[in-house]
Amino acid sequence: MNFVLHTGDMADDTSSDIERLLREINATTGGTGGSSAQAPAPRQSKPSPPATASSGGAGGRLAFAVGSGAVLGVAGWFGGLLMPFIGSFSTGVGAAFGAFVAALIAGPPRWFSS
């Protein structure tokens, strides 16, 4: 069996490489040390502007609710045509009513008013 005797030279090379890399990182980032590094400053968020009548008040909410009810009512009617044993009229009315109520409660999305 062959055994290799370790003389400690490799450990010295590794620690000097680590120290050299740490010095390079500190020089690049401008840090002075690992434990005395400053925490990043908290990010300041801008307050959102107050809602106005032009940014989708009750008129925009009602228009979106009527439009989504009409579109999903037609889609429900068409889906009712494809399903057996279910009337297409009742499916369309149910889809339109459900979409209208959901859109009236939730309101229009942000992209709708822009």
C-alpha atoms as a PDB file:
ATOM      1  CA  MET A   1       0.000   0.000   0.000  1.00  0.00           C
ATOM      2  CA  ASN A   2       1.168   3.442  -0.817  1.00  0.00           C
ATOM      3  CA  PHE A   3       0.483   6.245   1.599  1.00  0.00           C
ATOM      4  CA  VAL A   4       0.965   9.888   0.808  1.00  0.00           C
ATOM      5  CA  LEU A   5       2.462  12.005   3.516  1.00  0.00           C
ATOM      6  CA  HIS A   6       0.884  15.420   3.770  1.00  0.00           C
ATOM      7  CA  THR A   7       3.381  18.127   4.657  1.00  0.00           C
ATOM      8  CA  GLY A   8       0.969  21.023   5.053  1.00  0.00           C
ATOM      9  CA  ASP A   9       1.965  22.874   1.869  1.00  0.00           C
ATOM     10  CA  MET A  10      -1.423  22.383   0.277  1.00  0.00           C
ATOM     11  CA  ALA A  11      -3.259  23.816   3.274  1.00  0.00           C
ATOM     12  CA  ASP A  12      -1.122  26.948   3.109  1.00  0.00           C
ATOM     13  CA  ASP A  13      -1.884  27.350  -0.609  1.00  0.00           C
ATOM     14  CA  THR A  14      -5.624  26.957  -0.020  1.00  0.00           C
ATOM     15  CA  SER A  15      -5.786  29.496   2.784  1.00  0.00           C
ATOM     16  CA  SER A  16      -3.751  32.016   0.821  1.00  0.00           C
ATOM     17  CA  ASP A  17      -6.060  31.550  -2.185  1.00  0.00           C
ATOM     18  CA  ILE A  18      -9.087  32.100   0.012  1.00  0.00           C
ATOM     19  CA  GLU A  19      -7.572  35.222   1.540  1.00  0.00           C
ATOM     20  CA  ARG A  20      -6.695  36.542  -1.927  1.00  0.00           C
ATOM     21  CA  LEU A  21     -10.259  35.938  -3.166  1.00  0.00           C
ATOM     22  CA  LEU A  22     -11.732  37.645  -0.113  1.00  0.00           C
ATOM     23  CA  ARG A  23      -9.481  40.675  -0.690  1.00  0.00           C
ATOM     24  CA  GLU A  24     -10.626  40.836  -4.328  1.00  0.00           C
ATOM     25  CA  ILE A  25     -14.282  40.663  -3.302  1.00  0.00           C
ATOM     26  CA  ASN A  26     -13.816  43.391  -0.707  1.00  0.00           C
ATOM     27  CA  ALA A  27     -12.028  45.587  -3.236  1.00  0.00           C
ATOM     28  CA  THR A  28     -14.787  45.035  -5.799  1.00  0.00           C
ATOM     29  CA  THR A  29     -17.715  45.597  -3.465  1.00  0.00           C
ATOM     30  CA  GLY A  30     -16.059  48.278  -1.395  1.00  0.00           C
ATOM     31  CA  GLY A  31     -16.592  46.342   1.819  1.00  0.00           C
ATOM     32  CA  THR A  32     -14.270  46.634   4.772  1.00  0.00           C
ATOM     33  CA  GLY A  33     -14.927  43.262   6.332  1.00  0.00           C
ATOM     34  CA  GLY A  34     -17.387  40.431   6.631  1.00  0.00           C
ATOM     35  CA  SER A  35     -18.862  41.244  10.029  1.00  0.00           C
ATOM     36  CA  SER A  36     -18.846  45.030   9.706  1.00  0.00           C
ATOM     37  CA  ALA A  37     -20.638  45.144   6.363  1.00  0.00           C
ATOM     38  CA  GLN A  38     -23.611  47.494   6.317  1.00  0.00           C
ATOM     39  CA  ALA A  39     -27.106  46.210   5.700  1.00  0.00           C
ATOM     40  CA  PRO A  40     -28.739  47.454   2.492  1.00  0.00           C
ATOM     41  CA  ALA A  41     -30.938  50.504   2.900  1.00  0.00           C
ATOM     42  CA  PRO A  42     -34.689  49.787   2.906  1.00  0.00           C
ATOM     43  CA  ARG A  43     -36.371  50.482  -0.385  1.00  0.00           C
ATOM     44  CA  GLN A  44     -38.712  53.442  -0.385  1.00  0.00           C
ATOM     45  CA  SER A  45     -41.967  52.776  -2.202  1.00  0.00           C
ATOM     46  CA  LYS A  46     -43.949  55.557  -3.802  1.00  0.00           C
ATOM     47  CA  PRO A  47     -47.456  56.034  -2.421  1.00  0.00           C
ATOM     48  CA  SER A  48     -50.178  55.263  -4.912  1.00  0.00           C
ATOM     49  CA  PRO A  49     -52.190  58.236  -6.121  1.00  0.00           C
ATOM     50  CA  PRO A  50     -55.744  58.511  -4.765  1.00  0.00           C
ATOM     51  CA  ALA A  51     -58.518  57.070  -6.894  1.00  0.00           C
ATOM     52  CA  THR A  52     -60.454  59.581  -8.946  1.00  0.00           C
ATOM     53  CA  ALA A  53     -63.647  59.327 -10.950  1.00  0.00           C
ATOM     54  CA  SER A  54     -61.659  58.962 -14.171  1.00  0.00           C
ATOM     55  CA  SER A  55     -59.731  55.958 -12.844  1.00  0.00           C
ATOM     56  CA  GLY A  56     -62.740  53.638 -12.968  1.00  0.00           C
ATOM     57  CA  GLY A  57     -65.396  54.722 -10.440  1.00  0.00           C
ATOM     58  CA  ALA A  58     -68.906  53.302 -10.392  1.00  0.00           C
ATOM     59  CA  GLY A  59     -69.459  53.961 -14.109  1.00  0.00           C
ATOM     60  CA  GLY A  60     -66.423  51.936 -15.113  1.00  0.00           C
ATOM     61  CA  ARG A  61     -67.352  49.142 -12.753  1.00  0.00           C
ATOM     62  CA  LEU A  62     -70.900  48.950 -14.129  1.00  0.00           C
ATOM     63  CA  ALA A  63     -69.729  49.085 -17.754  1.00  0.00           C
ATOM     64  CA  PHE A  64     -67.239  46.292 -17.121  1.00  0.00           C
ATOM     65  CA  ALA A  65     -69.903  44.195 -15.371  1.00  0.00           C
ATOM     66  CA  VAL A  66     -72.395  44.611 -18.244  1.00  0.00           C
ATOM     67  CA  GLY A  67     -69.747  43.840 -20.868  1.00  0.00           C
ATOM     68  CA  SER A  68     -68.420  40.762 -19.107  1.00  0.00           C
ATOM     69  CA  GLY A  69     -71.968  39.534 -18.467  1.00  0.00           C
ATOM     70  CA  ALA A  70     -72.806  39.861 -22.162  1.00  0.00           C
ATOM     71  CA  VAL A  71     -69.645  38.131 -23.357  1.00  0.00           C
ATOM     72  CA  LEU A  72     -69.872  35.266 -20.889  1.00  0.00           C
ATOM     73  CA  GLY A  73     -73.637  34.981 -21.438  1.00  0.00           C
ATOM     74  CA  VAL A  74     -73.040  34.331 -25.133  1.00  0.00           C
ATOM     75  CA  ALA A  75     -70.260  31.868 -24.269  1.00  0.00           C
ATOM     76  CA  GLY A  76     -72.585  30.122 -21.797  1.00  0.00           C
ATOM     77  CA  TRP A  77     -75.359  29.946 -24.388  1.00  0.00           C
ATOM     78  CA  PHE A  78     -72.958  28.379 -26.886  1.00  0.00           C
ATOM     79  CA  GLY A  79     -71.720  25.945 -24.235  1.00  0.00           C
ATOM     80  CA  GLY A  80     -75.344  25.026 -23.517  1.00  0.00           C
ATOM     81  CA  LEU A  81     -75.829  24.156 -27.189  1.00  0.00           C
ATOM     82  CA  LEU A  82     -73.028  21.613 -26.947  1.00  0.00           C
ATOM     83  CA  MET A  83     -74.178  19.922 -23.726  1.00  0.00           C
ATOM     84  CA  PRO A  84     -77.027  17.411 -23.820  1.00  0.00           C
ATOM     85  CA  PHE A  85     -79.964  17.627 -21.395  1.00  0.00           C
ATOM     86  CA  ILE A  86     -79.168  21.253 -20.483  1.00  0.00           C
ATOM     87  CA  GLY A  87     -81.037  24.157 -22.034  1.00  0.00           C
ATOM     88  CA  SER A  88     -78.823  26.652 -23.782  1.00  0.00           C
ATOM     89  CA  PHE A  89     -80.992  29.617 -22.764  1.00  0.00           C
ATOM     90  CA  SER A  90     -80.803  28.850 -19.044  1.00  0.00           C
ATOM     91  CA  THR A  91     -77.060  28.225 -19.302  1.00  0.00           C
ATOM     92  CA  GLY A  92     -76.511  31.555 -21.040  1.00  0.00           C
ATOM     93  CA  VAL A  93     -78.666  33.463 -18.528  1.00  0.00           C
ATOM     94  CA  GLY A  94     -76.889  31.819 -15.600  1.00  0.00           C
ATOM     95  CA  ALA A  95     -73.453  32.587 -17.025  1.00  0.00           C
ATOM     96  CA  ALA A  96     -74.425  36.187 -17.777  1.00  0.00           C
ATOM     97  CA  PHE A  97     -75.868  36.746 -14.305  1.00  0.00           C
ATOM     98  CA  GLY A  98     -72.905  35.111 -12.567  1.00  0.00           C
ATOM     99  CA  ALA A  99     -70.369  37.110 -14.588  1.00  0.00           C
ATOM    100  CA  PHE A 100     -72.299  40.344 -14.015  1.00  0.00           C
ATOM    101  CA  VAL A 101     -72.424  39.880 -10.236  1.00  0.00           C
ATOM    102  CA  ALA A 102     -68.774  38.766 -10.003  1.00  0.00           C
ATOM    103  CA  ALA A 103     -67.563  41.698 -12.119  1.00  0.00           C
ATOM    104  CA  LEU A 104     -69.733  44.149 -10.187  1.00  0.00           C
ATOM    105  CA  ILE A 105     -68.227  43.001  -6.891  1.00  0.00           C
ATOM    106  CA  ALA A 106     -64.614  42.638  -8.062  1.00  0.00           C
ATOM    107  CA  GLY A 107     -64.487  45.641 -10.366  1.00  0.00           C
ATOM    108  CA  PRO A 108     -62.488  46.020 -13.553  1.00  0.00           C
ATOM    109  CA  PRO A 109     -58.824  45.040 -13.695  1.00  0.00           C
ATOM    110  CA  ARG A 110     -56.142  47.739 -13.862  1.00  0.00           C
ATOM    111  CA  TRP A 111     -55.494  47.252 -17.581  1.00  0.00           C
ATOM    112  CA  PHE A 112     -59.178  47.867 -18.404  1.00  0.00           C
ATOM    113  CA  SER A 113     -59.092  51.519 -17.351  1.00  0.00           C
ATOM    114  CA  SER A 114     -55.834  52.379 -19.131  1.00  0.00           C
END
